[in-house]
Amino acid sequence: RGDVYAAWKGIGDDPRLFWARYQDGAWSPQQDVAGGAFGTSDQPAIAWFKDHSVMAWKGKGNDQRLFWSELRGGQWSDQRVVGEGSLGSSTGPALAQVKDRLMLAWKGTGADPRIFLSSYDGNTWEPQREFLGGAAGTSHTPALASYSESNID
């Protein structure tokens, strides 16, 4: 429909998550996701998945768990932990829809430079796996992009 969604962490020590929507040539006012109940110490990721937006983020402070929520009807769902307890990151994750799945990528916890991946089919997150068998590493958030020929005129 041409809508764009943006998500970001609060300024400085403010761990709150905010979001806004660009529609019909204008941005909505910023909104606090879940009244401040969700929080992060790094950048969140947001992506369109099937018919709604999904946001993922690293926990607040030393909490390296990865969380996610879905925006439906203007309301964010309760935050949920991504997959099993083994998932974690010291930075924010990346998200992109790839065909009929949502792909999540992130840097490992602490000083672990490995990049990990998981995907979501709308019901379940698959177990994490190492990107390129652990041969690739990063000191911060990886990026994802998806390409579809149906998007080209």
Protein backbone atom coordinates (compact mmCIF):
# COMPACT_ATOMS: atom_id res chain seq x y z
CA ARG A 1 0.00 0.00 0.00
CA GLY A 2 3.00 2.28 0.14
CA ASP A 3 3.13 2.58 3.95
CA VAL A 4 6.54 2.71 5.64
CA TYR A 5 7.15 1.83 9.29
CA ALA A 6 10.05 3.09 11.40
CA ALA A 7 11.21 1.88 14.83
CA TRP A 8 13.93 3.20 17.13
CA LYS A 9 15.35 3.15 20.65
CA GLY A 10 14.92 6.20 22.89
CA ILE A 11 17.68 8.80 23.29
CA GLY A 12 20.68 8.04 25.53
CA ASP A 13 19.77 5.82 28.48
CA ASP A 14 16.06 5.72 27.54
CA PRO A 15 15.47 2.02 26.68
CA ARG A 16 11.93 2.53 25.36
CA LEU A 17 11.02 1.52 21.84
CA PHE A 18 9.20 3.97 19.58
CA TRP A 19 7.53 3.64 16.20
CA ALA A 20 5.83 5.71 13.53
CA ARG A 21 4.09 5.09 10.21
CA TYR A 22 4.47 6.99 6.95
CA GLN A 23 1.21 7.00 5.02
CA ASP A 24 -0.21 9.29 2.35
CA GLY A 25 2.86 11.54 2.36
CA ALA A 26 3.11 12.16 6.12
CA TRP A 27 4.56 10.55 9.25
CA SER A 28 2.30 9.75 12.19
CA PRO A 29 3.38 11.10 15.60
CA GLN A 30 5.92 8.87 17.36
CA GLN A 31 4.33 6.27 19.59
CA ASP A 32 5.82 4.47 22.58
CA VAL A 33 5.58 0.73 21.92
CA ALA A 34 3.50 -0.91 24.66
CA GLY A 35 3.64 2.12 26.96
CA GLY A 36 7.32 1.58 27.76
CA ALA A 37 6.87 -2.10 28.70
CA PHE A 38 9.37 -3.15 26.01
CA GLY A 39 12.94 -1.95 26.05
CA THR A 40 16.33 -2.32 24.43
CA SER A 41 19.88 -1.08 24.77
CA ASP A 42 20.47 -1.15 20.99
CA GLN A 43 18.66 -0.56 17.72
CA PRO A 44 15.54 -2.58 16.93
CA ALA A 45 14.74 -4.08 13.53
CA ILE A 46 11.38 -3.87 11.78
CA ALA A 47 10.08 -5.65 8.68
CA TRP A 48 6.85 -6.30 6.85
CA PHE A 49 5.81 -9.96 7.10
CA LYS A 50 2.84 -11.25 5.12
CA ASP A 51 0.15 -8.71 6.16
CA HIS A 52 1.65 -6.91 9.19
CA SER A 53 4.83 -5.46 10.71
CA VAL A 54 7.15 -7.40 13.00
CA MET A 55 9.80 -5.84 15.23
CA ALA A 56 12.75 -7.61 16.91
CA TRP A 57 15.24 -6.27 19.44
CA LYS A 58 17.90 -7.13 22.00
CA GLY A 59 16.87 -6.83 25.65
CA LYS A 60 17.70 -3.93 27.97
CA GLY A 61 21.17 -3.52 29.51
CA ASN A 62 22.90 -6.86 29.99
CA ASP A 63 19.86 -8.85 28.83
CA GLN A 64 21.14 -10.34 25.57
CA ARG A 65 17.95 -12.25 24.75
CA LEU A 66 16.21 -11.44 21.47
CA PHE A 67 12.57 -10.37 21.65
CA TRP A 68 9.89 -9.81 19.04
CA SER A 69 6.37 -8.45 18.66
CA GLU A 70 3.79 -8.13 15.86
CA LEU A 71 1.82 -4.98 14.95
CA ARG A 72 -1.79 -5.81 14.08
CA GLY A 73 -4.62 -3.33 14.01
CA GLY A 74 -2.43 -0.56 15.39
CA GLN A 75 -1.48 -2.55 18.53
CA TRP A 76 1.76 -4.39 19.29
CA SER A 77 1.40 -7.93 20.67
CA ASP A 78 3.04 -8.89 23.95
CA GLN A 79 6.80 -9.20 23.63
CA ARG A 80 8.04 -12.75 23.20
CA VAL A 81 11.50 -14.27 23.33
CA VAL A 82 12.73 -15.47 19.92
CA GLY A 83 13.12 -19.26 19.81
CA GLU A 84 14.89 -21.26 22.47
CA GLY A 85 17.03 -19.73 25.22
CA SER A 86 20.25 -20.22 23.20
CA LEU A 87 19.49 -17.16 21.08
CA GLY A 88 21.20 -13.98 22.17
CA SER A 89 23.08 -10.93 20.93
CA SER A 90 25.12 -8.05 22.27
CA THR A 91 23.70 -5.81 19.49
CA GLY A 92 20.38 -5.32 17.74
CA PRO A 93 19.24 -7.83 15.09
CA ALA A 94 18.24 -7.48 11.43
CA LEU A 95 14.94 -8.63 9.86
CA ALA A 96 13.69 -9.21 6.30
CA GLN A 97 10.87 -11.15 4.71
CA VAL A 98 12.24 -13.79 2.33
CA LYS A 99 9.45 -15.42 0.31
CA ASP A 100 7.01 -16.77 2.91
CA ARG A 101 9.39 -16.61 5.89
CA LEU A 102 10.76 -13.87 8.12
CA MET A 103 14.57 -14.02 8.37
CA LEU A 104 16.37 -12.81 11.52
CA ALA A 105 20.15 -12.23 11.67
CA TRP A 106 22.28 -11.15 14.65
CA LYS A 107 25.78 -10.99 16.11
CA GLY A 108 26.58 -13.44 18.91
CA THR A 109 26.62 -12.56 22.62
CA GLY A 110 29.49 -10.69 24.28
CA ALA A 111 32.71 -10.91 22.27
CA ASP A 112 31.35 -13.70 20.01
CA PRO A 113 31.68 -12.24 16.47
CA ARG A 114 29.74 -15.02 14.71
CA ILE A 115 26.58 -14.16 12.79
CA PHE A 116 23.53 -16.30 13.48
CA LEU A 117 20.28 -16.79 11.56
CA SER A 118 16.80 -18.03 12.30
CA SER A 119 13.59 -17.86 10.31
CA TYR A 120 9.92 -17.67 11.24
CA ASP A 121 7.10 -19.25 9.26
CA GLY A 122 4.26 -17.44 11.04
CA ASN A 123 4.05 -20.02 13.83
CA THR A 124 7.54 -21.08 14.94
CA TRP A 125 11.10 -19.76 14.92
CA GLU A 126 13.53 -22.36 13.62
CA PRO A 127 16.62 -23.16 15.77
CA GLN A 128 19.52 -20.74 15.32
CA ARG A 129 22.27 -21.64 12.86
CA GLU A 130 25.62 -20.08 12.08
CA PHE A 131 25.78 -17.94 8.95
CA LEU A 132 28.29 -19.39 6.45
CA GLY A 133 29.17 -22.13 8.94
CA GLY A 134 30.70 -19.61 11.33
CA ALA A 135 33.19 -18.30 8.75
CA ALA A 136 31.68 -14.78 8.81
CA GLY A 137 31.97 -12.43 11.76
CA THR A 138 31.02 -8.91 12.76
CA SER A 139 31.45 -6.49 15.64
CA HIS A 140 27.94 -5.05 15.23
CA THR A 141 24.54 -5.62 13.67
CA PRO A 142 24.43 -7.38 10.28
CA ALA A 143 22.00 -6.17 7.61
CA LEU A 144 19.46 -8.07 5.52
CA ALA A 145 17.62 -7.20 2.33
CA SER A 146 15.19 -9.17 0.21
CA TYR A 147 14.70 -9.04 -3.53
CA SER A 148 11.61 -10.04 -5.46
CA GLU A 149 11.17 -9.67 -9.20
CA SER A 150 7.49 -9.02 -8.58
CA ASN A 151 8.54 -5.69 -7.02
CA ILE A 152 10.12 -4.48 -10.25
CA ASP A 153 8.04 -2.63 -12.84
